[in-house]
Amino acid sequence: MNHGERHLQDRLGSRERADAFTARQTLDHLNERMRAFIGRQEMMFLATADSGGGCDSTFRAGPAGFVRVLDEEHLSWPEYRGNGVMASLGNLTENGRVGILFIDFDEVIGLHVNGSAEIVEDPGEQRDLPPGQRAPLWVVARVQEAYIHCAKHIPHLVKGERRPAGKKSDYFVPAPQRSLLT
């Protein structure tokens, strides 16, 4: 825990509850149930920060098991081709700290995994994958803490069928302004 957490726990009277939670729920590795849970997930949320503290939070997804649990202290995931900005990977080159959140909206449970990470080249385990599904880079994370995410406010969502849609890269880009002269 950091000084800010402790200060707020003392101010709000939750230190004892926080200490009990940490003692009961927080591990420095992935136990068997956590490893199985991660192996079933099709998505995760990844938080990184650069050396100056500039943050990035992003979504990663793939088929169940796209995040591979290597052992009780390591997991890895592929970095598929995206928009080319490389915000998360760029942050990792400056600051290897990561926060990962897995949420299963059907089971209504979540898992936090915090630790350090590094970028690695293709581990060579993708020979059987079609070229469009191969990832040139992977991230390997070392677990420093893992704990449950409170299910109280996780909504129960049912997975639907994916509807074909056009390219949405300009979804949030404003439409060009019309000239007042035309």
Protein backbone atom coordinates (compact mmCIF):
# COMPACT_ATOMS: atom_id res chain seq x y z
CA MET A 1 0.00 0.00 0.00
CA ASN A 2 1.15 3.52 -0.65
CA HIS A 3 1.07 6.58 1.60
CA GLY A 4 -1.94 8.03 -0.21
CA GLU A 5 -3.98 4.87 0.39
CA ARG A 6 -3.02 4.81 4.05
CA HIS A 7 -3.82 8.50 4.51
CA LEU A 8 -7.30 8.08 3.02
CA GLN A 9 -7.93 4.84 4.94
CA ASP A 10 -7.13 6.64 8.19
CA ARG A 11 -9.16 9.69 7.23
CA LEU A 12 -12.20 7.60 6.25
CA GLY A 13 -11.83 4.93 8.92
CA SER A 14 -11.28 1.98 6.58
CA ARG A 15 -7.73 0.91 7.47
CA GLU A 16 -8.81 -2.13 9.46
CA ARG A 17 -11.17 -3.26 6.68
CA ALA A 18 -8.47 -2.64 4.04
CA ASP A 19 -5.91 -4.62 6.02
CA ALA A 20 -8.36 -7.51 6.42
CA PHE A 21 -9.11 -7.47 2.68
CA THR A 22 -5.41 -7.42 1.80
CA ALA A 23 -4.60 -10.26 4.20
CA ARG A 24 -7.49 -12.40 2.94
CA GLN A 25 -7.62 -11.58 -0.79
CA THR A 26 -4.28 -10.29 -2.10
CA LEU A 27 -1.66 -12.73 -3.36
CA ASP A 28 1.79 -12.21 -4.86
CA HIS A 29 1.10 -14.91 -7.44
CA LEU A 30 -1.77 -16.43 -9.42
CA ASN A 31 -3.41 -19.32 -7.63
CA GLU A 32 -5.00 -22.21 -9.51
CA ARG A 33 -8.47 -20.62 -9.66
CA MET A 34 -7.03 -17.31 -10.93
CA ARG A 35 -5.04 -19.11 -13.62
CA ALA A 36 -8.13 -21.00 -14.79
CA PHE A 37 -10.18 -17.77 -14.74
CA ILE A 38 -7.64 -15.92 -16.91
CA GLY A 39 -7.54 -18.86 -19.32
CA ARG A 40 -11.28 -18.44 -19.99
CA GLN A 41 -11.20 -14.69 -20.60
CA GLU A 42 -11.69 -13.08 -24.01
CA MET A 43 -10.78 -9.55 -22.91
CA MET A 44 -8.82 -7.49 -20.46
CA PHE A 45 -8.23 -3.85 -19.62
CA LEU A 46 -4.61 -2.72 -19.48
CA ALA A 47 -3.25 0.34 -17.67
CA THR A 48 0.25 1.70 -18.27
CA ALA A 49 2.07 4.96 -17.62
CA ASP A 50 5.10 6.61 -19.18
CA SER A 51 8.13 7.78 -17.20
CA GLY A 52 6.44 11.12 -16.46
CA GLY A 53 3.23 9.52 -15.17
CA GLY A 54 1.15 10.07 -18.34
CA CYS A 55 -1.39 7.26 -18.27
CA ASP A 56 -3.01 5.06 -20.88
CA SER A 57 -5.84 2.63 -20.37
CA THR A 58 -6.73 0.28 -23.17
CA PHE A 59 -8.76 -2.77 -24.06
CA ARG A 60 -7.27 -6.03 -25.30
CA ALA A 61 -9.29 -8.93 -26.67
CA GLY A 62 -8.91 -12.24 -28.43
CA PRO A 63 -10.22 -15.77 -28.29
CA ALA A 64 -10.53 -17.38 -24.87
CA GLY A 65 -7.01 -18.07 -23.68
CA PHE A 66 -5.40 -15.26 -25.70
CA VAL A 67 -3.78 -14.27 -22.41
CA ARG A 68 -1.52 -17.18 -21.61
CA VAL A 69 -0.69 -18.05 -18.04
CA LEU A 70 2.91 -19.19 -18.20
CA ASP A 71 3.20 -20.12 -14.53
CA GLU A 72 1.95 -18.78 -11.20
CA GLU A 73 4.06 -15.62 -11.55
CA HIS A 74 3.93 -14.85 -15.29
CA LEU A 75 1.37 -14.28 -18.00
CA SER A 76 1.66 -13.07 -21.58
CA TRP A 77 -0.54 -11.72 -24.33
CA PRO A 78 -0.14 -10.96 -28.02
CA GLU A 79 0.04 -7.41 -29.30
CA TYR A 80 -2.07 -7.57 -32.44
CA ARG A 81 -1.89 -4.92 -35.14
CA GLY A 82 -3.90 -1.83 -34.17
CA ASN A 83 -3.90 1.86 -34.99
CA GLY A 84 -0.11 2.09 -34.93
CA VAL A 85 0.03 4.62 -32.07
CA MET A 86 1.76 2.17 -29.68
CA ALA A 87 0.69 4.08 -26.56
CA SER A 88 0.75 1.09 -24.20
CA LEU A 89 3.90 -0.45 -25.64
CA GLY A 90 5.61 2.93 -25.72
CA ASN A 91 4.78 3.38 -22.06
CA LEU A 92 6.24 -0.04 -21.29
CA THR A 93 9.55 0.96 -22.84
CA GLU A 94 9.74 3.83 -20.31
CA ASN A 95 7.97 2.34 -17.30
CA GLY A 96 7.38 -1.39 -17.02
CA ARG A 97 4.56 -1.16 -14.45
CA VAL A 98 1.18 -2.55 -15.55
CA GLY A 99 -2.27 -2.86 -14.08
CA ILE A 100 -4.51 -5.48 -15.68
CA LEU A 101 -8.21 -5.94 -15.02
CA PHE A 102 -10.09 -9.02 -16.17
CA ILE A 103 -13.87 -8.86 -15.87
CA ASP A 104 -16.22 -11.72 -16.59
CA PHE A 105 -19.56 -9.99 -17.12
CA ASP A 106 -21.41 -13.32 -17.26
CA GLU A 107 -20.05 -14.73 -13.98
CA VAL A 108 -19.96 -11.15 -12.59
CA ILE A 109 -16.48 -11.35 -11.15
CA GLY A 110 -13.23 -9.53 -11.75
CA LEU A 111 -9.53 -10.01 -11.14
CA HIS A 112 -6.84 -7.35 -10.73
CA VAL A 113 -3.28 -8.27 -11.66
CA ASN A 114 -0.55 -5.71 -11.03
CA GLY A 115 3.12 -6.07 -11.77
CA SER A 116 5.88 -5.36 -14.23
CA ALA A 117 6.07 -6.21 -17.91
CA GLU A 118 8.41 -6.35 -20.86
CA ILE A 119 7.95 -6.55 -24.61
CA VAL A 120 9.24 -9.69 -26.33
CA GLU A 121 9.45 -10.76 -29.96
CA ASP A 122 7.19 -13.46 -31.39
CA PRO A 123 7.81 -16.44 -29.10
CA GLY A 124 7.56 -18.80 -32.11
CA GLU A 125 4.45 -20.56 -30.82
CA GLN A 126 2.24 -19.18 -33.60
CA ARG A 127 3.15 -21.45 -36.49
CA ASP A 128 -0.38 -22.85 -36.76
CA LEU A 129 -2.10 -19.46 -36.78
CA PRO A 130 -3.16 -17.75 -39.99
CA PRO A 131 -0.97 -14.70 -40.81
CA GLY A 132 -3.67 -12.16 -39.83
CA GLN A 133 -3.85 -13.61 -36.34
CA ARG A 134 -0.12 -13.73 -35.63
CA ALA A 135 1.28 -11.09 -33.35
CA PRO A 136 4.76 -9.70 -34.02
CA LEU A 137 5.19 -8.65 -30.39
CA TRP A 138 4.10 -10.10 -27.08
CA VAL A 139 4.09 -8.76 -23.57
CA VAL A 140 5.21 -10.89 -20.64
CA ALA A 141 4.09 -9.67 -17.23
CA ARG A 142 5.43 -10.70 -13.84
CA VAL A 143 2.71 -10.77 -11.18
CA GLN A 144 3.38 -8.76 -8.04
CA GLU A 145 -0.16 -8.73 -6.71
CA ALA A 146 -3.44 -10.34 -7.69
CA TYR A 147 -6.80 -9.85 -6.04
CA ILE A 148 -10.52 -10.02 -6.62
CA HIS A 149 -12.48 -7.07 -8.00
CA CYS A 150 -15.61 -6.30 -6.01
CA ALA A 151 -18.55 -7.71 -7.95
CA LYS A 152 -21.05 -5.31 -6.37
CA HIS A 153 -21.01 -2.85 -9.26
CA ILE A 154 -20.15 -5.15 -12.19
CA PRO A 155 -23.19 -5.41 -14.45
CA HIS A 156 -24.34 -8.80 -15.68
CA LEU A 157 -23.98 -8.71 -19.45
CA VAL A 158 -24.79 -11.45 -21.91
CA LYS A 159 -22.51 -11.92 -24.88
CA GLY A 160 -24.30 -11.23 -28.13
CA GLU A 161 -23.48 -11.96 -31.71
CA ARG A 162 -21.12 -9.57 -33.39
CA ARG A 163 -22.87 -7.53 -36.04
CA PRO A 164 -20.88 -6.68 -39.14
CA ALA A 165 -20.12 -2.99 -39.14
CA GLY A 166 -18.19 -0.58 -41.25
CA LYS A 167 -14.90 0.92 -40.23
CA LYS A 168 -15.37 3.04 -37.10
CA SER A 169 -11.98 4.71 -36.84
CA ASP A 170 -13.61 8.11 -37.43
CA TYR A 171 -16.53 7.55 -35.06
CA PHE A 172 -15.53 10.36 -32.68
CA VAL A 173 -14.07 12.68 -35.31
CA PRO A 174 -16.43 15.59 -35.94
CA ALA A 175 -17.95 15.87 -39.39
CA PRO A 176 -16.41 18.61 -41.53
CA GLN A 177 -17.99 21.99 -40.95
CA ARG A 178 -20.03 23.41 -43.79
CA SER A 179 -18.99 26.78 -45.04
CA LEU A 180 -21.49 29.57 -44.38
CA LEU A 181 -20.85 30.81 -47.91
CA THR A 182 -22.21 27.74 -49.67
